[in-house]
């Protein structure tokens, strides 16, 4: 087996391992989390003031919620999306949504 064939199979195996680990840990984007979660009062209030999840993502980052991966646009380095552990978003997403609402109302 040539070196390039070995590398291909090794890379493919690593990609499969990463995919399996993501599924096991339930790694999701903010949009995937929002689309697959029952919404409470906090997120309903959030969307009365904001039209997308961008501000919530910034609030999560500001509050130190760990991003598993980050994706930036190659040409200009603009942030595109991040992935999080679902469990973290389940707990902290609604709290950060309320923080956004309070910030909008009182500032």
PDB file of N, CA and C in Angstrom:
ATOM      1  N   UNK A   1       0.850  -1.174   0.000  1.00  0.00           N
ATOM      2  CA  UNK A   1       0.000   0.000   0.000  1.00  0.00           C
ATOM      3  C   UNK A   1       0.896   1.237   0.000  1.00  0.00           C
ATOM      4  N   UNK A   2       0.563   2.193  -0.865  1.00  0.00           N
ATOM      5  CA  UNK A   2       1.369   3.408  -0.949  1.00  0.00           C
ATOM      6  C   UNK A   2       1.057   4.336   0.220  1.00  0.00           C
ATOM      7  N   UNK A   3       1.930   5.299   0.385  1.00  0.00           N
ATOM      8  CA  UNK A   3       1.777   6.248   1.484  1.00  0.00           C
ATOM      9  C   UNK A   3       0.487   7.055   1.356  1.00  0.00           C
ATOM     10  N   UNK A   4       0.122   7.460   0.116  1.00  0.00           N
ATOM     11  CA  UNK A   4      -1.096   8.256  -0.073  1.00  0.00           C
ATOM     12  C   UNK A   4      -2.347   7.421   0.198  1.00  0.00           C
ATOM     13  N   UNK A   5      -2.330   6.125  -0.144  1.00  0.00           N
ATOM     14  CA  UNK A   5      -3.469   5.252   0.143  1.00  0.00           C
ATOM     15  C   UNK A   5      -3.641   5.082   1.647  1.00  0.00           C
ATOM     16  N   UNK A   6      -2.533   4.932   2.338  1.00  0.00           N
ATOM     17  CA  UNK A   6      -2.578   4.784   3.790  1.00  0.00           C
ATOM     18  C   UNK A   6      -3.147   6.049   4.429  1.00  0.00           C
ATOM     19  N   UNK A   7      -2.683   7.211   3.961  1.00  0.00           N
ATOM     20  CA  UNK A   7      -3.154   8.481   4.514  1.00  0.00           C
ATOM     21  C   UNK A   7      -4.637   8.678   4.268  1.00  0.00           C
ATOM     22  N   UNK A   8      -5.105   8.313   3.078  1.00  0.00           N
ATOM     23  CA  UNK A   8      -6.525   8.461   2.770  1.00  0.00           C
ATOM     24  C   UNK A   8      -7.377   7.652   3.729  1.00  0.00           C
ATOM     25  N   UNK A   9      -7.038   6.403   3.903  1.00  0.00           N
ATOM     26  CA  UNK A   9      -7.850   5.573   4.781  1.00  0.00           C
ATOM     27  C   UNK A   9      -7.739   6.045   6.231  1.00  0.00           C
ATOM     28  N   UNK A  10      -6.574   6.520   6.614  1.00  0.00           N
ATOM     29  CA  UNK A  10      -6.385   7.029   7.970  1.00  0.00           C
ATOM     30  C   UNK A  10      -7.214   8.302   8.192  1.00  0.00           C
ATOM     31  N   UNK A  11      -7.221   9.181   7.203  1.00  0.00           N
ATOM     32  CA  UNK A  11      -8.003  10.414   7.285  1.00  0.00           C
ATOM     33  C   UNK A  11      -9.490  10.089   7.331  1.00  0.00           C
ATOM     34  N   UNK A  12      -9.920   9.174   6.472  1.00  0.00           N
ATOM     35  CA  UNK A  12     -11.332   8.785   6.453  1.00  0.00           C
ATOM     36  C   UNK A  12     -11.742   8.170   7.790  1.00  0.00           C
ATOM     37  N   UNK A  13     -10.894   7.334   8.348  1.00  0.00           N
ATOM     38  CA  UNK A  13     -11.173   6.723   9.648  1.00  0.00           C
ATOM     39  C   UNK A  13     -11.297   7.797  10.728  1.00  0.00           C
ATOM     40  N   UNK A  14     -10.408   8.775  10.692  1.00  0.00           N
ATOM     41  CA  UNK A  14     -10.453   9.861  11.682  1.00  0.00           C
ATOM     42  C   UNK A  14     -11.740  10.672  11.549  1.00  0.00           C
ATOM     43  N   UNK A  15     -12.170  10.946  10.325  1.00  0.00           N
ATOM     44  CA  UNK A  15     -13.420  11.673  10.100  1.00  0.00           C
ATOM     45  C   UNK A  15     -14.605  10.902  10.667  1.00  0.00           C
ATOM     46  N   UNK A  16     -14.602   9.600  10.477  1.00  0.00           N
ATOM     47  CA  UNK A  16     -15.680   8.765  11.007  1.00  0.00           C
ATOM     48  C   UNK A  16     -15.677   8.773  12.535  1.00  0.00           C
ATOM     49  N   UNK A  17     -14.492   8.742  13.135  1.00  0.00           N
ATOM     50  CA  UNK A  17     -14.385   8.797  14.597  1.00  0.00           C
ATOM     51  C   UNK A  17     -14.925  10.123  15.138  1.00  0.00           C
ATOM     52  N   UNK A  18     -14.586  11.206  14.470  1.00  0.00           N
ATOM     53  CA  UNK A  18     -15.053  12.528  14.891  1.00  0.00           C
ATOM     54  C   UNK A  18     -16.567  12.616  14.772  1.00  0.00           C
ATOM     55  N   UNK A  19     -17.101  12.116  13.681  1.00  0.00           N
ATOM     56  CA  UNK A  19     -18.553  12.128  13.478  1.00  0.00           C
ATOM     57  C   UNK A  19     -19.271  11.325  14.560  1.00  0.00           C
ATOM     58  N   UNK A  20     -18.741  10.162  14.888  1.00  0.00           N
ATOM     59  CA  UNK A  20     -19.341   9.319  15.930  1.00  0.00           C
ATOM     60  C   UNK A  20     -19.263   9.998  17.297  1.00  0.00           C
ATOM     61  N   UNK A  21     -18.142  10.643  17.575  1.00  0.00           N
ATOM     62  CA  UNK A  21     -17.986  11.342  18.857  1.00  0.00           C
ATOM     63  C   UNK A  21     -18.955  12.514  18.967  1.00  0.00           C
ATOM     64  N   UNK A  22     -19.163  13.229  17.858  1.00  0.00           N
ATOM     65  CA  UNK A  22     -20.103  14.345  17.861  1.00  0.00           C
ATOM     66  C   UNK A  22     -21.522  13.868  18.153  1.00  0.00           C
ATOM     67  N   UNK A  23     -21.899  12.763  17.526  1.00  0.00           N
ATOM     68  CA  UNK A  23     -23.239  12.218  17.764  1.00  0.00           C
ATOM     69  C   UNK A  23     -23.398  11.777  19.209  1.00  0.00           C
ATOM     70  N   UNK A  24     -22.391  11.132  19.750  1.00  0.00           N
ATOM     71  CA  UNK A  24     -22.461  10.640  21.131  1.00  0.00           C
ATOM     72  C   UNK A  24     -22.551  11.798  22.122  1.00  0.00           C
ATOM     73  N   UNK A  25     -21.833  12.878  21.857  1.00  0.00           N
ATOM     74  CA  UNK A  25     -21.833  14.033  22.758  1.00  0.00           C
ATOM     75  C   UNK A  25     -22.935  15.025  22.414  1.00  0.00           C
ATOM     76  N   UNK A  26     -23.651  14.772  21.343  1.00  0.00           N
ATOM     77  CA  UNK A  26     -24.688  15.672  20.843  1.00  0.00           C
ATOM     78  C   UNK A  26     -24.138  17.080  20.645  1.00  0.00           C
ATOM     79  N   UNK A  27     -23.216  17.181  19.714  1.00  0.00           N
ATOM     80  CA  UNK A  27     -22.644  18.463  19.329  1.00  0.00           C
ATOM     81  C   UNK A  27     -23.555  19.067  18.262  1.00  0.00           C
ATOM     82  N   UNK A  28     -24.045  20.282  18.513  1.00  0.00           N
ATOM     83  CA  UNK A  28     -25.006  20.905  17.603  1.00  0.00           C
ATOM     84  C   UNK A  28     -24.672  22.381  17.395  1.00  0.00           C
ATOM     85  N   UNK A  29     -25.144  22.905  16.270  1.00  0.00           N
ATOM     86  CA  UNK A  29     -25.079  24.348  16.067  1.00  0.00           C
ATOM     87  C   UNK A  29     -26.226  24.974  16.840  1.00  0.00           C
ATOM     88  N   UNK A  30     -26.174  26.262  16.997  1.00  0.00           N
ATOM     89  CA  UNK A  30     -27.253  26.968  17.692  1.00  0.00           C
ATOM     90  C   UNK A  30     -28.581  26.779  16.955  1.00  0.00           C
ATOM     91  N   UNK A  31     -28.552  26.815  15.634  1.00  0.00           N
ATOM     92  CA  UNK A  31     -29.769  26.629  14.830  1.00  0.00           C
ATOM     93  C   UNK A  31     -30.326  25.216  15.005  1.00  0.00           C
ATOM     94  N   UNK A  32     -29.458  24.204  14.969  1.00  0.00           N
ATOM     95  CA  UNK A  32     -29.921  22.821  15.166  1.00  0.00           C
ATOM     96  C   UNK A  32     -30.556  22.657  16.542  1.00  0.00           C
ATOM     97  N   UNK A  33     -29.946  23.265  17.543  1.00  0.00           N
ATOM     98  CA  UNK A  33     -30.500  23.196  18.895  1.00  0.00           C
ATOM     99  C   UNK A  33     -31.865  23.861  18.943  1.00  0.00           C
ATOM    100  N   UNK A  34     -31.971  25.048  18.383  1.00  0.00           N
ATOM    101  CA  UNK A  34     -33.230  25.793  18.406  1.00  0.00           C
ATOM    102  C   UNK A  34     -34.333  25.027  17.673  1.00  0.00           C
ATOM    103  N   UNK A  35     -33.999  24.478  16.512  1.00  0.00           N
ATOM    104  CA  UNK A  35     -34.996  23.761  15.703  1.00  0.00           C
ATOM    105  C   UNK A  35     -35.462  22.463  16.346  1.00  0.00           C
ATOM    106  N   UNK A  36     -34.668  21.894  17.236  1.00  0.00           N
ATOM    107  CA  UNK A  36     -35.009  20.588  17.810  1.00  0.00           C
ATOM    108  C   UNK A  36     -35.395  20.655  19.291  1.00  0.00           C
ATOM    109  N   UNK A  37     -35.661  21.848  19.787  1.00  0.00           N
ATOM    110  CA  UNK A  37     -35.954  22.030  21.207  1.00  0.00           C
ATOM    111  C   UNK A  37     -37.329  22.656  21.379  1.00  0.00           C
ATOM    112  N   UNK A  38     -38.065  22.203  22.387  1.00  0.00           N
ATOM    113  CA  UNK A  38     -39.311  22.884  22.724  1.00  0.00           C
ATOM    114  C   UNK A  38     -38.956  24.227  23.331  1.00  0.00           C
ATOM    115  N   UNK A  39     -39.633  25.268  22.881  1.00  0.00           N
ATOM    116  CA  UNK A  39     -39.290  26.611  23.318  1.00  0.00           C
ATOM    117  C   UNK A  39     -40.087  27.016  24.539  1.00  0.00           C
ATOM    118  N   UNK A  40     -39.364  27.551  25.482  1.00  0.00           N
ATOM    119  CA  UNK A  40     -40.004  28.091  26.671  1.00  0.00           C
ATOM    120  C   UNK A  40     -40.239  29.582  26.510  1.00  0.00           C
ATOM    121  N   UNK A  41     -40.692  30.164  27.559  1.00  0.00           N
ATOM    122  CA  UNK A  41     -40.985  31.592  27.611  1.00  0.00           C
ATOM    123  C   UNK A  41     -39.777  32.441  27.206  1.00  0.00           C
ATOM    124  N   UNK A  42     -38.594  32.022  27.622  1.00  0.00           N
ATOM    125  CA  UNK A  42     -37.385  32.816  27.388  1.00  0.00           C
ATOM    126  C   UNK A  42     -37.130  33.036  25.900  1.00  0.00           C
ATOM    127  N   UNK A  43     -37.230  31.969  25.124  1.00  0.00           N
ATOM    128  CA  UNK A  43     -36.960  32.105  23.689  1.00  0.00           C
ATOM    129  C   UNK A  43     -38.101  32.804  22.965  1.00  0.00           C
ATOM    130  N   UNK A  44     -39.326  32.631  23.433  1.00  0.00           N
ATOM    131  CA  UNK A  44     -40.449  33.370  22.845  1.00  0.00           C
ATOM    132  C   UNK A  44     -40.233  34.871  23.034  1.00  0.00           C
ATOM    133  N   UNK A  45     -39.826  35.263  24.225  1.00  0.00           N
ATOM    134  CA  UNK A  45     -39.546  36.678  24.506  1.00  0.00           C
ATOM    135  C   UNK A  45     -38.366  37.176  23.677  1.00  0.00           C
ATOM    136  N   UNK A  46     -37.344  36.345  23.558  1.00  0.00           N
ATOM    137  CA  UNK A  46     -36.161  36.713  22.777  1.00  0.00           C
ATOM    138  C   UNK A  46     -36.566  37.094  21.356  1.00  0.00           C
ATOM    139  N   UNK A  47     -37.423  36.283  20.727  1.00  0.00           N
ATOM    140  CA  UNK A  47     -37.796  36.535  19.334  1.00  0.00           C
ATOM    141  C   UNK A  47     -38.806  37.665  19.179  1.00  0.00           C
ATOM    142  N   UNK A  48     -39.319  38.198  20.261  1.00  0.00           N
ATOM    143  CA  UNK A  48     -40.112  39.426  20.175  1.00  0.00           C
ATOM    144  C   UNK A  48     -39.197  40.625  19.936  1.00  0.00           C
ATOM    145  N   UNK A  49     -37.922  40.490  20.287  1.00  0.00           N
ATOM    146  CA  UNK A  49     -36.968  41.594  20.189  1.00  0.00           C
ATOM    147  C   UNK A  49     -35.888  41.384  19.124  1.00  0.00           C
ATOM    148  N   UNK A  50     -35.624  40.138  18.759  1.00  0.00           N
ATOM    149  CA  UNK A  50     -34.565  39.829  17.791  1.00  0.00           C
ATOM    150  C   UNK A  50     -35.127  38.937  16.688  1.00  0.00           C
ATOM    151  N   UNK A  51     -34.610  39.107  15.470  1.00  0.00           N
ATOM    152  CA  UNK A  51     -35.145  38.340  14.335  1.00  0.00           C
ATOM    153  C   UNK A  51     -34.335  37.084  14.018  1.00  0.00           C
ATOM    154  N   UNK A  52     -33.175  36.900  14.655  1.00  0.00           N
ATOM    155  CA  UNK A  52     -32.385  35.687  14.411  1.00  0.00           C
ATOM    156  C   UNK A  52     -31.609  35.305  15.672  1.00  0.00           C
ATOM    157  N   UNK A  53     -30.817  34.254  15.568  1.00  0.00           N
ATOM    158  CA  UNK A  53     -30.100  33.731  16.734  1.00  0.00           C
ATOM    159  C   UNK A  53     -28.728  34.367  16.955  1.00  0.00           C
ATOM    160  N   UNK A  54     -28.361  35.321  16.113  1.00  0.00           N
ATOM    161  CA  UNK A  54     -27.034  35.921  16.200  1.00  0.00           C
ATOM    162  C   UNK A  54     -26.718  36.553  17.542  1.00  0.00           C
ATOM    163  N   UNK A  55     -27.641  37.334  18.067  1.00  0.00           N
ATOM    164  CA  UNK A  55     -27.408  37.993  19.352  1.00  0.00           C
ATOM    165  C   UNK A  55     -27.283  36.976  20.479  1.00  0.00           C
ATOM    166  N   UNK A  56     -28.088  35.908  20.410  1.00  0.00           N
ATOM    167  CA  UNK A  56     -28.004  34.849  21.420  1.00  0.00           C
ATOM    168  C   UNK A  56     -26.637  34.177  21.369  1.00  0.00           C
ATOM    169  N   UNK A  57     -26.131  33.926  20.161  1.00  0.00           N
ATOM    170  CA  UNK A  57     -24.801  33.341  20.018  1.00  0.00           C
ATOM    171  C   UNK A  57     -23.721  34.227  20.618  1.00  0.00           C
ATOM    172  N   UNK A  58     -23.839  35.536  20.405  1.00  0.00           N
ATOM    173  CA  UNK A  58     -22.871  36.474  20.989  1.00  0.00           C
ATOM    174  C   UNK A  58     -22.952  36.464  22.512  1.00  0.00           C
ATOM    175  N   UNK A  59     -24.177  36.389  23.031  1.00  0.00           N
ATOM    176  CA  UNK A  59     -24.358  36.367  24.490  1.00  0.00           C
ATOM    177  C   UNK A  59     -23.771  35.091  25.086  1.00  0.00           C
ATOM    178  N   UNK A  60     -23.983  33.964  24.420  1.00  0.00           N
ATOM    179  CA  UNK A  60     -23.402  32.703  24.890  1.00  0.00           C
ATOM    180  C   UNK A  60     -21.878  32.818  24.950  1.00  0.00           C
ATOM    181  N   UNK A  61     -21.296  33.405  23.907  1.00  0.00           N
ATOM    182  CA  UNK A  61     -19.841  33.578  23.856  1.00  0.00           C
ATOM    183  C   UNK A  61     -19.373  34.525  24.966  1.00  0.00           C
ATOM    184  N   UNK A  62     -20.084  35.625  25.130  1.00  0.00           N
ATOM    185  CA  UNK A  62     -19.745  36.612  26.166  1.00  0.00           C
ATOM    186  C   UNK A  62     -19.776  35.991  27.561  1.00  0.00           C
ATOM    187  N   UNK A  63     -20.690  35.060  27.776  1.00  0.00           N
ATOM    188  CA  UNK A  63     -20.851  34.419  29.084  1.00  0.00           C
ATOM    189  C   UNK A  63     -19.941  33.205  29.262  1.00  0.00           C
ATOM    190  N   UNK A  64     -19.113  32.916  28.245  1.00  0.00           N
ATOM    191  CA  UNK A  64     -18.119  31.858  28.383  1.00  0.00           C
ATOM    192  C   UNK A  64     -18.598  30.447  28.100  1.00  0.00           C
ATOM    193  N   UNK A  65     -19.719  30.309  27.376  1.00  0.00           N
ATOM    194  CA  UNK A  65     -20.179  28.973  27.005  1.00  0.00           C
ATOM    195  C   UNK A  65     -19.201  28.424  25.973  1.00  0.00           C
ATOM    196  N   UNK A  66     -18.684  27.245  26.227  1.00  0.00           N
ATOM    197  CA  UNK A  66     -17.615  26.677  25.406  1.00  0.00           C
ATOM    198  C   UNK A  66     -18.110  26.324  24.009  1.00  0.00           C
ATOM    199  N   UNK A  67     -17.392  26.832  23.017  1.00  0.00           N
ATOM    200  CA  UNK A  67     -17.637  26.471  21.618  1.00  0.00           C
ATOM    201  C   UNK A  67     -16.766  25.265  21.302  1.00  0.00           C
ATOM    202  N   UNK A  68     -17.365  24.240  20.721  1.00  0.00           N
ATOM    203  CA  UNK A  68     -16.599  23.047  20.353  1.00  0.00           C
ATOM    204  C   UNK A  68     -15.817  23.309  19.074  1.00  0.00           C
ATOM    205  N   UNK A  69     -16.481  23.850  18.070  1.00  0.00           N
ATOM    206  CA  UNK A  69     -15.799  24.237  16.830  1.00  0.00           C
ATOM    207  C   UNK A  69     -16.275  25.622  16.438  1.00  0.00           C
ATOM    208  N   UNK A  70     -15.456  26.315  15.658  1.00  0.00           N
ATOM    209  CA  UNK A  70     -15.814  27.625  15.126  1.00  0.00           C
ATOM    210  C   UNK A  70     -15.516  27.622  13.640  1.00  0.00           C
ATOM    211  N   UNK A  71     -16.406  28.205  12.854  1.00  0.00           N
ATOM    212  CA  UNK A  71     -16.224  28.272  11.410  1.00  0.00           C
ATOM    213  C   UNK A  71     -16.175  29.737  10.994  1.00  0.00           C
ATOM    214  N   UNK A  72     -15.110  30.096  10.292  1.00  0.00           N
ATOM    215  CA  UNK A  72     -14.947  31.455   9.800  1.00  0.00           C
ATOM    216  C   UNK A  72     -14.916  31.433   8.286  1.00  0.00           C
ATOM    217  N   UNK A  73     -15.397  32.502   7.662  1.00  0.00           N
ATOM    218  CA  UNK A  73     -15.349  32.636   6.213  1.00  0.00           C
ATOM    219  C   UNK A  73     -13.890  32.833   5.808  1.00  0.00           C
ATOM    220  N   UNK A  74     -13.433  32.053   4.849  1.00  0.00           N
ATOM    221  CA  UNK A  74     -12.015  32.046   4.490  1.00  0.00           C
ATOM    222  C   UNK A  74     -11.535  33.376   3.920  1.00  0.00           C
ATOM    223  N   UNK A  75     -12.348  34.026   3.116  1.00  0.00           N
ATOM    224  CA  UNK A  75     -11.887  35.222   2.417  1.00  0.00           C
ATOM    225  C   UNK A  75     -11.670  36.424   3.334  1.00  0.00           C
ATOM    226  N   UNK A  76     -12.507  36.576   4.370  1.00  0.00           N
ATOM    227  CA  UNK A  76     -12.363  37.770   5.202  1.00  0.00           C
ATOM    228  C   UNK A  76     -12.389  37.509   6.702  1.00  0.00           C
ATOM    229  N   UNK A  77     -12.412  36.259   7.108  1.00  0.00           N
ATOM    230  CA  UNK A  77     -12.338  35.926   8.524  1.00  0.00           C
ATOM    231  C   UNK A  77     -13.581  36.241   9.334  1.00  0.00           C
ATOM    232  N   UNK A  78     -14.718  36.435   8.665  1.00  0.00           N
ATOM    233  CA  UNK A  78     -15.968  36.721   9.370  1.00  0.00           C
ATOM    234  C   UNK A  78     -16.493  35.437  10.001  1.00  0.00           C
ATOM    235  N   UNK A  79     -16.912  35.531  11.260  1.00  0.00           N
ATOM    236  CA  UNK A  79     -17.446  34.375  11.979  1.00  0.00           C
ATOM    237  C   UNK A  79     -18.736  33.911  11.315  1.00  0.00           C
ATOM    238  N   UNK A  80     -18.868  32.592  11.080  1.00  0.00           N
ATOM    239  CA  UNK A  80     -20.047  32.036  10.425  1.00  0.00           C
ATOM    240  C   UNK A  80     -20.908  31.265  11.415  1.00  0.00           C
ATOM    241  N   UNK A  81     -20.341  30.258  12.072  1.00  0.00           N
ATOM    242  CA  UNK A  81     -21.124  29.493  13.044  1.00  0.00           C
ATOM    243  C   UNK A  81     -20.203  28.730  13.988  1.00  0.00           C
ATOM    244  N   UNK A  82     -20.790  28.268  15.084  1.00  0.00           N
ATOM    245  CA  UNK A  82     -20.059  27.476  16.070  1.00  0.00           C
ATOM    246  C   UNK A  82     -20.912  26.277  16.450  1.00  0.00           C
ATOM    247  N   UNK A  83     -20.265  25.280  17.021  1.00  0.00           N
ATOM    248  CA  UNK A  83     -21.013  24.148  17.562  1.00  0.00           C
ATOM    249  C   UNK A  83     -20.826  24.121  19.070  1.00  0.00           C
ATOM    250  N   UNK A  84     -21.837  23.604  19.741  1.00  0.00           N
ATOM    251  CA  UNK A  84     -21.868  23.552  21.198  1.00  0.00           C
ATOM    252  C   UNK A  84     -22.322  22.170  21.637  1.00  0.00           C
ATOM    253  N   UNK A  85     -22.130  21.855  22.900  1.00  0.00           N
ATOM    254  CA  UNK A  85     -22.692  20.643  23.489  1.00  0.00           C
ATOM    255  C   UNK A  85     -24.160  20.947  23.795  1.00  0.00           C
ATOM    256  N   UNK A  86     -25.061  20.091  23.321  1.00  0.00           N
ATOM    257  CA  UNK A  86     -26.496  20.320  23.491  1.00  0.00           C
ATOM    258  C   UNK A  86     -26.861  20.574  24.956  1.00  0.00           C
ATOM    259  N   UNK A  87     -26.276  19.810  25.845  1.00  0.00           N
ATOM    260  CA  UNK A  87     -26.570  19.940  27.274  1.00  0.00           C
ATOM    261  C   UNK A  87     -26.269  21.355  27.782  1.00  0.00           C
ATOM    262  N   UNK A  88     -25.174  21.947  27.296  1.00  0.00           N
ATOM    263  CA  UNK A  88     -24.831  23.319  27.680  1.00  0.00           C
ATOM    264  C   UNK A  88     -25.895  24.297  27.188  1.00  0.00           C
ATOM    265  N   UNK A  89     -26.332  24.112  25.943  1.00  0.00           N
ATOM    266  CA  UNK A  89     -27.351  25.006  25.392  1.00  0.00           C
ATOM    267  C   UNK A  89     -28.692  24.823  26.087  1.00  0.00           C
ATOM    268  N   UNK A  90     -29.020  23.580  26.449  1.00  0.00           N
ATOM    269  CA  UNK A  90     -30.281  23.334  27.153  1.00  0.00           C
ATOM    270  C   UNK A  90     -30.336  24.121  28.456  1.00  0.00           C
ATOM    271  N   UNK A  91     -29.217  24.201  29.142  1.00  0.00           N
ATOM    272  CA  UNK A  91     -29.166  24.902  30.423  1.00  0.00           C
ATOM    273  C   UNK A  91     -28.989  26.411  30.249  1.00  0.00           C
ATOM    274  N   UNK A  92     -28.040  26.799  29.414  1.00  0.00           N
ATOM    275  CA  UNK A  92     -27.633  28.201  29.357  1.00  0.00           C
ATOM    276  C   UNK A  92     -28.298  29.016  28.252  1.00  0.00           C
ATOM    277  N   UNK A  93     -28.827  28.352  27.229  1.00  0.00           N
ATOM    278  CA  UNK A  93     -29.501  29.070  26.144  1.00  0.00           C
ATOM    279  C   UNK A  93     -30.643  29.947  26.630  1.00  0.00           C
ATOM    280  N   UNK A  94     -31.587  29.390  27.398  1.00  0.00           N
ATOM    281  CA  UNK A  94     -32.695  30.217  27.893  1.00  0.00           C
ATOM    282  C   UNK A  94     -32.233  31.362  28.807  1.00  0.00           C
ATOM    283  N   UNK A  95     -31.225  31.114  29.624  1.00  0.00           N
ATOM    284  CA  UNK A  95     -30.719  32.171  30.509  1.00  0.00           C
ATOM    285  C   UNK A  95     -30.087  33.307  29.707  1.00  0.00           C
ATOM    286  N   UNK A  96     -29.323  32.940  28.695  1.00  0.00           N
ATOM    287  CA  UNK A  96     -28.703  33.961  27.852  1.00  0.00           C
ATOM    288  C   UNK A  96     -29.754  34.697  27.019  1.00  0.00           C
ATOM    289  N   UNK A  97     -30.814  33.996  26.613  1.00  0.00           N
ATOM    290  CA  UNK A  97     -31.907  34.650  25.888  1.00  0.00           C
ATOM    291  C   UNK A  97     -32.544  35.724  26.764  1.00  0.00           C
ATOM    292  N   UNK A  98     -32.758  35.410  28.032  1.00  0.00           N
ATOM    293  CA  UNK A  98     -33.315  36.406  28.961  1.00  0.00           C
ATOM    294  C   UNK A  98     -32.359  37.575  29.159  1.00  0.00           C
ATOM    295  N   UNK A  99     -31.062  37.283  29.229  1.00  0.00           N
ATOM    296  CA  UNK A  99     -30.073  38.357  29.367  1.00  0.00           C
ATOM    297  C   UNK A  99     -30.153  39.302  28.168  1.00  0.00           C
ATOM    298  N   UNK A 100     -30.336  38.751  26.972  1.00  0.00           N
ATOM    299  CA  UNK A 100     -30.477  39.573  25.763  1.00  0.00           C
ATOM    300  C   UNK A 100     -31.719  40.454  25.853  1.00  0.00           C
ATOM    301  N   UNK A 101     -32.826  39.866  26.299  1.00  0.00           N
ATOM    302  CA  UNK A 101     -34.086  40.611  26.410  1.00  0.00           C
ATOM    303  C   UNK A 101     -33.947  41.741  27.423  1.00  0.00           C
ATOM    304  N   UNK A 102     -33.392  41.441  28.590  1.00  0.00           N
ATOM    305  CA  UNK A 102     -33.213  42.475  29.610  1.00  0.00           C
ATOM    306  C   UNK A 102     -32.303  43.588  29.107  1.00  0.00           C
ATOM    307  N   UNK A 103     -31.249  43.212  28.386  1.00  0.00           N
ATOM    308  CA  UNK A 103     -30.336  44.208  27.839  1.00  0.00           C
ATOM    309  C   UNK A 103     -31.065  45.114  26.846  1.00  0.00           C
ATOM    310  N   UNK A 104     -31.907  44.536  26.024  1.00  0.00           N
ATOM    311  CA  UNK A 104     -32.660  45.295  25.021  1.00  0.00           C
ATOM    312  C   UNK A 104     -33.665  46.238  25.694  1.00  0.00           C
ATOM    313  N   UNK A 105     -34.338  45.753  26.717  1.00  0.00           N
ATOM    314  CA  UNK A 105     -35.375  46.541  27.388  1.00  0.00           C
ATOM    315  C   UNK A 105     -34.774  47.671  28.225  1.00  0.00           C
ATOM    316  N   UNK A 106     -33.726  47.372  28.971  1.00  0.00           N
ATOM    317  CA  UNK A 106     -33.210  48.329  29.949  1.00  0.00           C
ATOM    318  C   UNK A 106     -32.025  49.156  29.468  1.00  0.00           C
ATOM    319  N   UNK A 107     -31.548  48.936  28.255  1.00  0.00           N
ATOM    320  CA  UNK A 107     -30.421  49.741  27.749  1.00  0.00           C
ATOM    321  C   UNK A 107     -30.760  50.418  26.458  1.00  0.00           C
TER     322      UNK A 107
END
